[in-house]
């Protein structure tokens, strides 16, 4: 699992996106894509597979497990802190 202090988008990366010559919707999508890459890397690592080999079922199951961990063990047990 990801350490509690892990971030899916650093402040520096966010600043780089802000400085890019992109519209607001494009900046949002860029941030989302960078964060998604980090999260998919985490999920693939947890399953011991390459990102390209992840299936939608595995991604859904991972989110279900992370949500269950948060509900049953508290937010510190979850990767996603929302």
N, C-alpha and C. Protein backbone atom coordinates (compact mmCIF):
# COMPACT_ATOMS: atom_id res chain seq x y z
N UNK A 1 0.83 -1.19 0.00
CA UNK A 1 0.00 0.00 0.00
C UNK A 1 0.87 1.25 0.00
N UNK A 2 0.29 2.35 -0.36
CA UNK A 2 0.98 3.62 -0.42
C UNK A 2 1.20 4.16 0.99
N UNK A 3 2.38 4.73 1.27
CA UNK A 3 2.59 5.34 2.58
C UNK A 3 1.61 6.49 2.79
N UNK A 4 1.26 6.78 4.05
CA UNK A 4 0.26 7.82 4.32
C UNK A 4 0.57 9.17 3.71
N UNK A 5 1.84 9.53 3.59
CA UNK A 5 2.18 10.86 3.08
C UNK A 5 2.29 10.90 1.56
N UNK A 6 2.01 9.79 0.89
CA UNK A 6 2.15 9.74 -0.58
C UNK A 6 1.18 10.72 -1.23
N UNK A 7 1.65 11.32 -2.32
CA UNK A 7 0.82 12.23 -3.09
C UNK A 7 0.77 11.70 -4.52
N UNK A 8 -0.35 11.92 -5.16
CA UNK A 8 -0.47 11.50 -6.54
C UNK A 8 -0.13 12.64 -7.49
N UNK A 9 -0.02 13.86 -6.96
CA UNK A 9 0.41 15.01 -7.75
C UNK A 9 1.14 15.95 -6.78
N UNK A 10 2.40 16.21 -7.07
CA UNK A 10 3.18 17.07 -6.18
C UNK A 10 2.83 18.54 -6.42
N UNK A 11 3.21 19.38 -5.47
CA UNK A 11 2.98 20.82 -5.63
C UNK A 11 3.75 21.34 -6.84
N UNK A 12 4.96 20.82 -7.04
CA UNK A 12 5.77 21.25 -8.17
C UNK A 12 5.11 20.87 -9.50
N UNK A 13 4.57 19.66 -9.57
CA UNK A 13 3.89 19.24 -10.80
C UNK A 13 2.65 20.07 -11.04
N UNK A 14 1.94 20.37 -9.99
CA UNK A 14 0.75 21.21 -10.12
C UNK A 14 1.13 22.60 -10.63
N UNK A 15 2.24 23.12 -10.13
CA UNK A 15 2.71 24.42 -10.60
C UNK A 15 3.11 24.36 -12.08
N UNK A 16 3.72 23.24 -12.48
CA UNK A 16 4.09 23.07 -13.89
C UNK A 16 2.84 23.06 -14.77
N UNK A 17 1.80 22.38 -14.31
CA UNK A 17 0.55 22.35 -15.06
C UNK A 17 -0.04 23.75 -15.13
N UNK A 18 -0.02 24.48 -14.01
CA UNK A 18 -0.53 25.86 -14.00
C UNK A 18 0.21 26.73 -15.01
N UNK A 19 1.52 26.52 -15.15
CA UNK A 19 2.33 27.34 -16.05
C UNK A 19 2.16 26.95 -17.52
N UNK A 20 1.60 25.78 -17.77
CA UNK A 20 1.44 25.31 -19.15
C UNK A 20 0.43 26.18 -19.90
N UNK A 21 0.61 26.27 -21.18
CA UNK A 21 -0.30 27.05 -22.03
C UNK A 21 -1.51 26.18 -22.38
N UNK A 22 -2.34 25.96 -21.38
CA UNK A 22 -3.52 25.11 -21.52
C UNK A 22 -4.74 25.84 -20.98
N UNK A 23 -5.91 25.46 -21.47
CA UNK A 23 -7.15 25.99 -20.92
C UNK A 23 -7.40 25.35 -19.55
N UNK A 24 -8.32 25.91 -18.80
CA UNK A 24 -8.65 25.35 -17.49
C UNK A 24 -9.10 23.90 -17.58
N UNK A 25 -9.99 23.53 -18.52
CA UNK A 25 -10.37 22.12 -18.63
C UNK A 25 -9.18 21.22 -18.98
N UNK A 26 -8.28 21.72 -19.82
CA UNK A 26 -7.09 20.93 -20.18
C UNK A 26 -6.16 20.76 -18.98
N UNK A 27 -6.04 21.80 -18.17
CA UNK A 27 -5.22 21.68 -16.95
C UNK A 27 -5.81 20.66 -15.99
N UNK A 28 -7.13 20.69 -15.84
CA UNK A 28 -7.79 19.71 -14.98
C UNK A 28 -7.51 18.30 -15.48
N UNK A 29 -7.69 18.07 -16.78
CA UNK A 29 -7.47 16.75 -17.35
C UNK A 29 -6.01 16.32 -17.23
N UNK A 30 -5.09 17.26 -17.36
CA UNK A 30 -3.67 16.95 -17.20
C UNK A 30 -3.38 16.51 -15.77
N UNK A 31 -3.90 17.23 -14.79
CA UNK A 31 -3.71 16.84 -13.39
C UNK A 31 -4.32 15.46 -13.12
N UNK A 32 -5.51 15.25 -13.64
CA UNK A 32 -6.19 13.98 -13.47
C UNK A 32 -5.39 12.84 -14.09
N UNK A 33 -4.82 13.07 -15.25
CA UNK A 33 -4.05 12.04 -15.94
C UNK A 33 -2.77 11.68 -15.19
N UNK A 34 -2.07 12.68 -14.70
CA UNK A 34 -0.85 12.43 -13.92
C UNK A 34 -1.20 11.65 -12.66
N UNK A 35 -2.23 12.08 -11.96
CA UNK A 35 -2.66 11.39 -10.74
C UNK A 35 -3.12 9.97 -11.05
N UNK A 36 -3.83 9.80 -12.15
CA UNK A 36 -4.30 8.47 -12.54
C UNK A 36 -3.14 7.53 -12.84
N UNK A 37 -2.11 8.05 -13.49
CA UNK A 37 -0.93 7.22 -13.76
C UNK A 37 -0.33 6.74 -12.45
N UNK A 38 -0.20 7.63 -11.48
CA UNK A 38 0.36 7.24 -10.18
C UNK A 38 -0.51 6.20 -9.49
N UNK A 39 -1.82 6.39 -9.55
CA UNK A 39 -2.73 5.46 -8.90
C UNK A 39 -2.71 4.11 -9.62
N UNK A 40 -2.69 4.12 -10.94
CA UNK A 40 -2.62 2.85 -11.67
C UNK A 40 -1.31 2.12 -11.39
N UNK A 41 -0.23 2.87 -11.20
CA UNK A 41 1.04 2.27 -10.82
C UNK A 41 0.91 1.58 -9.47
N UNK A 42 0.24 2.24 -8.52
CA UNK A 42 0.00 1.67 -7.20
C UNK A 42 -0.82 0.39 -7.31
N UNK A 43 -1.91 0.45 -8.06
CA UNK A 43 -2.80 -0.71 -8.19
C UNK A 43 -2.07 -1.87 -8.85
N UNK A 44 -1.35 -1.59 -9.93
CA UNK A 44 -0.60 -2.64 -10.61
C UNK A 44 0.43 -3.26 -9.68
N UNK A 45 1.10 -2.44 -8.90
CA UNK A 45 2.08 -2.95 -7.94
C UNK A 45 1.44 -3.84 -6.90
N UNK A 46 0.27 -3.46 -6.42
CA UNK A 46 -0.43 -4.27 -5.43
C UNK A 46 -0.82 -5.63 -6.00
N UNK A 47 -1.14 -5.67 -7.29
CA UNK A 47 -1.50 -6.94 -7.93
C UNK A 47 -0.29 -7.67 -8.52
N UNK A 48 0.86 -6.99 -8.58
CA UNK A 48 2.04 -7.62 -9.14
C UNK A 48 1.97 -7.82 -10.64
N UNK A 49 1.33 -6.87 -11.32
CA UNK A 49 1.21 -6.94 -12.77
C UNK A 49 1.63 -5.61 -13.39
N UNK A 50 1.85 -5.61 -14.68
CA UNK A 50 2.13 -4.37 -15.40
C UNK A 50 0.83 -3.57 -15.53
N UNK A 51 0.95 -2.26 -15.59
CA UNK A 51 -0.24 -1.41 -15.76
C UNK A 51 -1.05 -1.85 -16.96
N UNK A 52 -0.38 -2.17 -18.05
CA UNK A 52 -1.07 -2.57 -19.27
C UNK A 52 -1.87 -3.86 -19.10
N UNK A 53 -1.52 -4.65 -18.10
CA UNK A 53 -2.22 -5.92 -17.87
C UNK A 53 -3.36 -5.82 -16.86
N UNK A 54 -3.55 -4.63 -16.27
CA UNK A 54 -4.67 -4.45 -15.35
C UNK A 54 -5.99 -4.58 -16.11
N UNK A 55 -6.95 -5.16 -15.44
CA UNK A 55 -8.29 -5.26 -16.03
C UNK A 55 -9.23 -4.32 -15.29
N UNK A 56 -10.33 -3.94 -15.92
CA UNK A 56 -11.32 -3.13 -15.20
C UNK A 56 -11.79 -3.81 -13.92
N UNK A 57 -11.96 -5.14 -13.95
CA UNK A 57 -12.39 -5.85 -12.74
C UNK A 57 -11.38 -5.70 -11.61
N UNK A 58 -10.09 -5.74 -11.92
CA UNK A 58 -9.07 -5.58 -10.89
C UNK A 58 -9.11 -4.16 -10.32
N UNK A 59 -9.28 -3.18 -11.17
CA UNK A 59 -9.32 -1.79 -10.72
C UNK A 59 -10.53 -1.57 -9.81
N UNK A 60 -11.68 -2.10 -10.21
CA UNK A 60 -12.89 -1.97 -9.39
C UNK A 60 -12.68 -2.67 -8.05
N UNK A 61 -12.14 -3.88 -8.07
CA UNK A 61 -11.90 -4.64 -6.83
C UNK A 61 -10.94 -3.89 -5.92
N UNK A 62 -9.91 -3.26 -6.50
CA UNK A 62 -8.95 -2.50 -5.70
C UNK A 62 -9.65 -1.34 -5.00
N UNK A 63 -10.48 -0.60 -5.73
CA UNK A 63 -11.21 0.52 -5.12
C UNK A 63 -12.16 0.02 -4.04
N UNK A 64 -12.82 -1.10 -4.28
CA UNK A 64 -13.71 -1.67 -3.27
C UNK A 64 -12.93 -2.01 -2.00
N UNK A 65 -11.75 -2.63 -2.17
CA UNK A 65 -10.94 -3.01 -1.02
C UNK A 65 -10.43 -1.78 -0.27
N UNK A 66 -9.99 -0.76 -1.01
CA UNK A 66 -9.51 0.46 -0.37
C UNK A 66 -10.64 1.12 0.42
N UNK A 67 -11.83 1.14 -0.16
CA UNK A 67 -13.00 1.71 0.52
C UNK A 67 -13.34 0.90 1.77
N UNK A 68 -13.28 -0.42 1.66
CA UNK A 68 -13.55 -1.29 2.82
C UNK A 68 -12.52 -1.05 3.92
N UNK A 69 -11.25 -0.93 3.54
CA UNK A 69 -10.21 -0.65 4.52
C UNK A 69 -10.50 0.65 5.27
N UNK A 70 -10.93 1.68 4.53
CA UNK A 70 -11.24 2.98 5.14
C UNK A 70 -12.41 2.86 6.12
N UNK A 71 -13.46 2.16 5.69
CA UNK A 71 -14.65 2.00 6.55
C UNK A 71 -14.35 1.19 7.80
N UNK A 72 -13.61 0.11 7.64
CA UNK A 72 -13.42 -0.82 8.75
C UNK A 72 -12.23 -0.49 9.65
N UNK A 73 -11.19 0.14 9.07
CA UNK A 73 -9.96 0.36 9.83
C UNK A 73 -9.61 1.83 10.00
N UNK A 74 -10.35 2.70 9.34
CA UNK A 74 -10.08 4.13 9.43
C UNK A 74 -9.31 4.63 8.22
N UNK A 75 -9.31 5.94 8.07
CA UNK A 75 -8.74 6.56 6.87
C UNK A 75 -7.27 6.27 6.69
N UNK A 76 -6.54 6.06 7.79
CA UNK A 76 -5.11 5.79 7.67
C UNK A 76 -4.82 4.43 7.04
N UNK A 77 -5.80 3.54 7.02
CA UNK A 77 -5.62 2.22 6.41
C UNK A 77 -5.86 2.26 4.90
N UNK A 78 -6.41 3.35 4.41
CA UNK A 78 -6.74 3.47 2.99
C UNK A 78 -5.62 4.20 2.25
N UNK A 79 -5.50 3.89 0.97
CA UNK A 79 -4.55 4.61 0.12
C UNK A 79 -5.13 5.98 -0.23
N UNK A 80 -6.38 6.01 -0.62
CA UNK A 80 -7.03 7.26 -1.01
C UNK A 80 -7.61 7.94 0.23
N UNK A 81 -7.22 9.16 0.44
CA UNK A 81 -7.58 9.90 1.66
C UNK A 81 -8.67 10.93 1.37
N UNK A 82 -9.82 10.51 0.92
CA UNK A 82 -10.89 11.46 0.69
C UNK A 82 -12.10 11.11 1.48
